[in-house]
N, C-alpha and C. Protein backbone atom coordinates (compact mmCIF):
# COMPACT_ATOMS: atom_id res chain seq x y z
N UNK A 1 11.79 -23.54 -8.74
CA UNK A 1 11.74 -23.64 -10.19
C UNK A 1 10.46 -24.30 -10.65
N UNK A 2 9.87 -25.11 -9.81
CA UNK A 2 8.61 -25.75 -10.16
C UNK A 2 7.55 -24.69 -10.44
N UNK A 3 7.54 -23.62 -9.64
CA UNK A 3 6.58 -22.55 -9.85
C UNK A 3 6.74 -21.94 -11.24
N UNK A 4 7.96 -21.69 -11.68
CA UNK A 4 8.20 -21.09 -12.99
C UNK A 4 7.71 -22.01 -14.10
N UNK A 5 7.95 -23.31 -13.97
CA UNK A 5 7.47 -24.26 -14.98
C UNK A 5 5.95 -24.27 -15.03
N UNK A 6 5.32 -24.28 -13.87
CA UNK A 6 3.85 -24.28 -13.81
C UNK A 6 3.28 -22.99 -14.37
N UNK A 7 3.93 -21.86 -14.09
CA UNK A 7 3.50 -20.58 -14.65
C UNK A 7 3.61 -20.61 -16.17
N UNK A 8 4.70 -21.18 -16.68
CA UNK A 8 4.87 -21.32 -18.13
C UNK A 8 3.79 -22.19 -18.74
N UNK A 9 3.46 -23.30 -18.08
CA UNK A 9 2.39 -24.17 -18.57
C UNK A 9 1.06 -23.43 -18.60
N UNK A 10 0.75 -22.73 -17.53
CA UNK A 10 -0.52 -22.00 -17.43
C UNK A 10 -0.63 -20.97 -18.56
N UNK A 11 0.40 -20.15 -18.73
CA UNK A 11 0.36 -19.11 -19.75
C UNK A 11 0.41 -19.69 -21.16
N UNK A 12 1.13 -20.79 -21.33
CA UNK A 12 1.15 -21.46 -22.63
C UNK A 12 -0.23 -21.96 -23.03
N UNK A 13 -0.98 -22.48 -22.06
CA UNK A 13 -2.34 -22.95 -22.35
C UNK A 13 -3.27 -21.80 -22.76
N UNK A 14 -3.06 -20.63 -22.20
CA UNK A 14 -3.93 -19.49 -22.50
C UNK A 14 -3.84 -19.05 -23.96
N UNK A 15 -2.70 -19.26 -24.60
CA UNK A 15 -2.52 -18.79 -25.98
C UNK A 15 -2.41 -19.95 -26.97
N UNK A 16 -2.63 -21.18 -26.54
CA UNK A 16 -2.45 -22.34 -27.40
C UNK A 16 -3.54 -22.47 -28.45
N UNK A 17 -3.12 -22.66 -29.70
CA UNK A 17 -4.05 -22.91 -30.80
C UNK A 17 -3.84 -24.30 -31.38
N UNK A 18 -2.58 -24.79 -31.42
CA UNK A 18 -2.30 -26.13 -31.92
C UNK A 18 -0.96 -26.60 -31.36
N UNK A 19 -0.67 -27.88 -31.55
CA UNK A 19 0.53 -28.50 -31.00
C UNK A 19 1.75 -28.30 -31.90
N UNK A 20 2.88 -28.76 -31.39
CA UNK A 20 4.12 -28.80 -32.16
C UNK A 20 4.86 -27.48 -32.20
N UNK A 21 5.95 -27.47 -32.95
CA UNK A 21 6.79 -26.28 -33.03
C UNK A 21 6.05 -25.10 -33.64
N UNK A 22 5.21 -25.36 -34.64
CA UNK A 22 4.45 -24.27 -35.25
C UNK A 22 3.47 -23.66 -34.26
N UNK A 23 2.80 -24.50 -33.48
CA UNK A 23 1.91 -23.99 -32.45
C UNK A 23 2.66 -23.23 -31.37
N UNK A 24 3.84 -23.75 -30.99
CA UNK A 24 4.66 -23.07 -30.00
C UNK A 24 5.11 -21.71 -30.52
N UNK A 25 5.51 -21.63 -31.78
CA UNK A 25 5.92 -20.35 -32.36
C UNK A 25 4.77 -19.35 -32.27
N UNK A 26 3.58 -19.76 -32.66
CA UNK A 26 2.43 -18.87 -32.60
C UNK A 26 2.14 -18.45 -31.15
N UNK A 27 2.19 -19.41 -30.23
CA UNK A 27 1.93 -19.12 -28.83
C UNK A 27 2.91 -18.12 -28.25
N UNK A 28 4.19 -18.29 -28.54
CA UNK A 28 5.20 -17.35 -28.05
C UNK A 28 5.03 -15.97 -28.68
N UNK A 29 4.70 -15.94 -29.97
CA UNK A 29 4.48 -14.65 -30.63
C UNK A 29 3.29 -13.93 -29.99
N UNK A 30 2.24 -14.66 -29.72
CA UNK A 30 1.05 -14.07 -29.10
C UNK A 30 1.37 -13.57 -27.68
N UNK A 31 2.01 -14.44 -26.89
CA UNK A 31 2.34 -14.09 -25.51
C UNK A 31 3.25 -12.86 -25.44
N UNK A 32 4.34 -12.88 -26.21
CA UNK A 32 5.28 -11.77 -26.15
C UNK A 32 4.74 -10.54 -26.87
N UNK A 33 3.84 -10.72 -27.81
CA UNK A 33 3.16 -9.58 -28.42
C UNK A 33 2.36 -8.81 -27.39
N UNK A 34 1.70 -9.53 -26.48
CA UNK A 34 0.96 -8.89 -25.40
C UNK A 34 1.92 -8.23 -24.41
N UNK A 35 3.04 -8.87 -24.12
CA UNK A 35 4.01 -8.33 -23.16
C UNK A 35 4.59 -7.01 -23.66
N UNK A 36 4.67 -6.86 -24.97
CA UNK A 36 5.23 -5.64 -25.56
C UNK A 36 4.46 -4.39 -25.11
N UNK A 37 3.18 -4.58 -24.81
CA UNK A 37 2.36 -3.45 -24.36
C UNK A 37 2.75 -2.97 -22.97
N UNK A 38 3.45 -3.81 -22.20
CA UNK A 38 3.75 -3.49 -20.81
C UNK A 38 5.22 -3.22 -20.54
N UNK A 39 6.10 -3.78 -21.33
CA UNK A 39 7.54 -3.59 -21.13
C UNK A 39 8.21 -3.38 -22.49
N UNK A 40 9.39 -2.83 -22.47
CA UNK A 40 10.18 -2.63 -23.68
C UNK A 40 10.77 -3.98 -24.06
N UNK A 41 10.13 -4.67 -24.99
CA UNK A 41 10.48 -6.05 -25.29
C UNK A 41 10.48 -6.26 -26.79
N UNK A 42 11.54 -6.87 -27.33
CA UNK A 42 11.61 -7.21 -28.75
C UNK A 42 11.69 -8.72 -28.85
N UNK A 43 10.91 -9.31 -29.77
CA UNK A 43 10.88 -10.76 -29.92
C UNK A 43 10.82 -11.11 -31.40
N UNK A 44 11.58 -12.13 -31.80
CA UNK A 44 11.50 -12.68 -33.15
C UNK A 44 11.71 -14.18 -33.07
N UNK A 45 11.29 -14.88 -34.13
CA UNK A 45 11.45 -16.33 -34.15
C UNK A 45 11.62 -16.82 -35.57
N UNK A 46 12.32 -17.95 -35.71
CA UNK A 46 12.50 -18.62 -36.99
C UNK A 46 12.19 -20.10 -36.79
N UNK A 47 11.39 -20.64 -37.70
CA UNK A 47 11.01 -22.04 -37.62
C UNK A 47 11.63 -22.81 -38.76
N UNK A 48 12.40 -23.83 -38.40
CA UNK A 48 12.98 -24.78 -39.35
C UNK A 48 12.78 -26.15 -38.72
N UNK A 49 13.82 -26.97 -38.68
CA UNK A 49 13.71 -28.23 -37.95
C UNK A 49 13.72 -27.99 -36.44
N UNK A 50 14.10 -26.78 -36.05
CA UNK A 50 14.01 -26.30 -34.66
C UNK A 50 13.37 -24.92 -34.68
N UNK A 51 12.78 -24.55 -33.57
CA UNK A 51 12.29 -23.19 -33.41
C UNK A 51 13.37 -22.42 -32.66
N UNK A 52 13.82 -21.32 -33.23
CA UNK A 52 14.84 -20.47 -32.61
C UNK A 52 14.18 -19.12 -32.32
N UNK A 53 14.25 -18.71 -31.07
CA UNK A 53 13.68 -17.42 -30.69
C UNK A 53 14.80 -16.49 -30.22
N UNK A 54 14.64 -15.22 -30.53
CA UNK A 54 15.58 -14.20 -30.10
C UNK A 54 14.78 -13.07 -29.48
N UNK A 55 15.28 -12.55 -28.37
CA UNK A 55 14.58 -11.44 -27.73
C UNK A 55 15.56 -10.50 -27.07
N UNK A 56 15.13 -9.26 -26.99
CA UNK A 56 15.83 -8.26 -26.18
C UNK A 56 14.87 -7.95 -25.05
N UNK A 57 15.19 -8.43 -23.89
CA UNK A 57 14.28 -8.44 -22.75
C UNK A 57 14.83 -7.56 -21.62
N UNK A 58 14.02 -6.67 -21.08
CA UNK A 58 14.51 -5.80 -20.01
C UNK A 58 14.47 -6.44 -18.62
N UNK A 59 13.95 -7.63 -18.51
CA UNK A 59 13.75 -8.22 -17.18
C UNK A 59 15.06 -8.37 -16.42
N UNK A 60 16.15 -8.65 -17.11
CA UNK A 60 17.44 -8.82 -16.42
C UNK A 60 17.85 -7.57 -15.66
N UNK A 61 17.35 -6.40 -16.09
CA UNK A 61 17.68 -5.16 -15.38
C UNK A 61 16.88 -5.02 -14.09
N UNK A 62 15.67 -5.55 -14.08
CA UNK A 62 14.78 -5.37 -12.93
C UNK A 62 14.77 -6.56 -11.98
N UNK A 63 14.88 -7.76 -12.52
CA UNK A 63 14.83 -8.98 -11.70
C UNK A 63 15.86 -9.98 -12.22
N UNK A 64 17.14 -9.75 -12.00
CA UNK A 64 18.15 -10.66 -12.52
C UNK A 64 17.97 -12.09 -12.03
N UNK A 65 17.40 -12.27 -10.86
CA UNK A 65 17.17 -13.63 -10.34
C UNK A 65 16.26 -14.43 -11.26
N UNK A 66 15.30 -13.74 -11.92
CA UNK A 66 14.40 -14.43 -12.85
C UNK A 66 15.21 -15.04 -13.99
N UNK A 67 16.11 -14.25 -14.57
CA UNK A 67 16.93 -14.73 -15.68
C UNK A 67 17.83 -15.88 -15.26
N UNK A 68 18.40 -15.77 -14.08
CA UNK A 68 19.35 -16.77 -13.61
C UNK A 68 18.67 -18.11 -13.29
N UNK A 69 17.51 -18.06 -12.64
CA UNK A 69 16.93 -19.30 -12.11
C UNK A 69 15.61 -19.72 -12.74
N UNK A 70 14.84 -18.78 -13.27
CA UNK A 70 13.46 -19.11 -13.61
C UNK A 70 13.09 -19.01 -15.08
N UNK A 71 13.85 -18.29 -15.87
CA UNK A 71 13.49 -18.11 -17.27
C UNK A 71 13.48 -19.43 -18.05
N UNK A 72 14.53 -20.21 -17.92
CA UNK A 72 14.60 -21.49 -18.63
C UNK A 72 13.51 -22.45 -18.16
N UNK A 73 13.27 -22.64 -16.86
CA UNK A 73 12.15 -23.49 -16.44
C UNK A 73 10.80 -22.98 -16.96
N UNK A 74 10.62 -21.65 -17.00
CA UNK A 74 9.39 -21.08 -17.55
C UNK A 74 9.24 -21.49 -19.02
N UNK A 75 10.32 -21.34 -19.80
CA UNK A 75 10.28 -21.71 -21.22
C UNK A 75 10.00 -23.19 -21.40
N UNK A 76 10.57 -24.03 -20.55
CA UNK A 76 10.32 -25.48 -20.63
C UNK A 76 8.86 -25.79 -20.35
N UNK A 77 8.29 -25.16 -19.34
CA UNK A 77 6.87 -25.37 -19.03
C UNK A 77 5.98 -24.90 -20.16
N UNK A 78 6.27 -23.75 -20.72
CA UNK A 78 5.50 -23.20 -21.84
C UNK A 78 5.55 -24.18 -23.02
N UNK A 79 6.75 -24.65 -23.37
CA UNK A 79 6.93 -25.54 -24.52
C UNK A 79 6.26 -26.89 -24.31
N UNK A 80 6.27 -27.39 -23.10
CA UNK A 80 5.68 -28.70 -22.80
C UNK A 80 4.21 -28.76 -23.18
N UNK A 81 3.51 -27.64 -23.04
CA UNK A 81 2.09 -27.57 -23.39
C UNK A 81 1.88 -27.90 -24.87
N UNK A 82 2.87 -27.62 -25.69
CA UNK A 82 2.79 -27.84 -27.14
C UNK A 82 3.40 -29.18 -27.56
N UNK A 83 3.79 -29.98 -26.58
CA UNK A 83 4.40 -31.27 -26.87
C UNK A 83 5.87 -31.16 -27.24
N UNK A 84 6.48 -30.02 -26.97
CA UNK A 84 7.90 -29.79 -27.27
C UNK A 84 8.68 -29.98 -25.97
N UNK A 85 9.55 -30.97 -25.95
CA UNK A 85 10.23 -31.35 -24.72
C UNK A 85 11.65 -30.81 -24.56
N UNK A 86 12.26 -30.39 -25.66
CA UNK A 86 13.66 -29.96 -25.59
C UNK A 86 13.77 -28.45 -25.75
N UNK A 87 14.42 -27.83 -24.77
CA UNK A 87 14.63 -26.38 -24.76
C UNK A 87 16.04 -26.12 -24.27
N UNK A 88 16.70 -25.19 -24.94
CA UNK A 88 18.04 -24.81 -24.49
C UNK A 88 18.24 -23.32 -24.71
N UNK A 89 18.83 -22.67 -23.72
CA UNK A 89 19.18 -21.26 -23.86
C UNK A 89 20.58 -21.20 -24.44
N UNK A 90 20.71 -20.52 -25.57
CA UNK A 90 21.98 -20.44 -26.28
C UNK A 90 22.75 -19.18 -25.89
N UNK A 91 22.02 -18.07 -25.76
CA UNK A 91 22.61 -16.79 -25.36
C UNK A 91 21.72 -16.16 -24.31
N UNK A 92 22.34 -15.29 -23.50
CA UNK A 92 21.59 -14.66 -22.41
C UNK A 92 22.06 -13.23 -22.21
N UNK A 93 21.11 -12.35 -22.00
CA UNK A 93 21.44 -10.98 -21.62
C UNK A 93 21.81 -10.97 -20.15
N UNK A 94 22.64 -10.13 -19.67
CA UNK A 94 23.34 -9.05 -20.36
C UNK A 94 24.67 -9.47 -20.97
N UNK A 95 25.06 -10.73 -20.83
CA UNK A 95 26.33 -11.17 -21.41
C UNK A 95 26.31 -11.06 -22.93
N UNK A 96 25.15 -11.21 -23.52
CA UNK A 96 24.96 -11.08 -24.95
C UNK A 96 23.98 -9.93 -25.19
N UNK A 97 23.83 -9.53 -26.44
CA UNK A 97 22.88 -8.46 -26.76
C UNK A 97 21.44 -8.94 -26.72
N UNK A 98 21.23 -10.25 -26.67
CA UNK A 98 19.88 -10.81 -26.72
C UNK A 98 19.84 -12.14 -25.99
N UNK A 99 18.64 -12.60 -25.75
CA UNK A 99 18.43 -13.96 -25.26
C UNK A 99 18.04 -14.80 -26.47
N UNK A 100 18.64 -15.96 -26.59
CA UNK A 100 18.39 -16.85 -27.73
C UNK A 100 18.07 -18.23 -27.18
N UNK A 101 16.94 -18.78 -27.61
CA UNK A 101 16.50 -20.11 -27.19
C UNK A 101 16.30 -20.99 -28.40
N UNK A 102 16.55 -22.29 -28.24
CA UNK A 102 16.22 -23.29 -29.24
C UNK A 102 15.22 -24.26 -28.65
N UNK A 103 14.22 -24.62 -29.44
CA UNK A 103 13.20 -25.59 -29.05
C UNK A 103 13.17 -26.67 -30.12
N UNK A 104 13.09 -27.93 -29.71
CA UNK A 104 12.97 -29.04 -30.65
C UNK A 104 12.32 -30.23 -30.01
């Protein structure tokens, strides 16, 4: 899992423009906007007192182990670059229609 966190940190730094939840929202939009060119991926986010992201991600079909063990550590590493320490997965595919994360 350390690898997934480090990968998240590395990729988070590549798209970082500023700190905090607003910076994290922009970074995730940029990162997943690029991913859309390579995989069938839908991403949206809402920023309030927390950042809530929703996605329809095909990775669970190809690499279910990533979703089970590495997706959340990846998100934590990505968020840490922006100074955001709290991350929780609220919903997960395929049990739900989408993956839903909260950052605060």
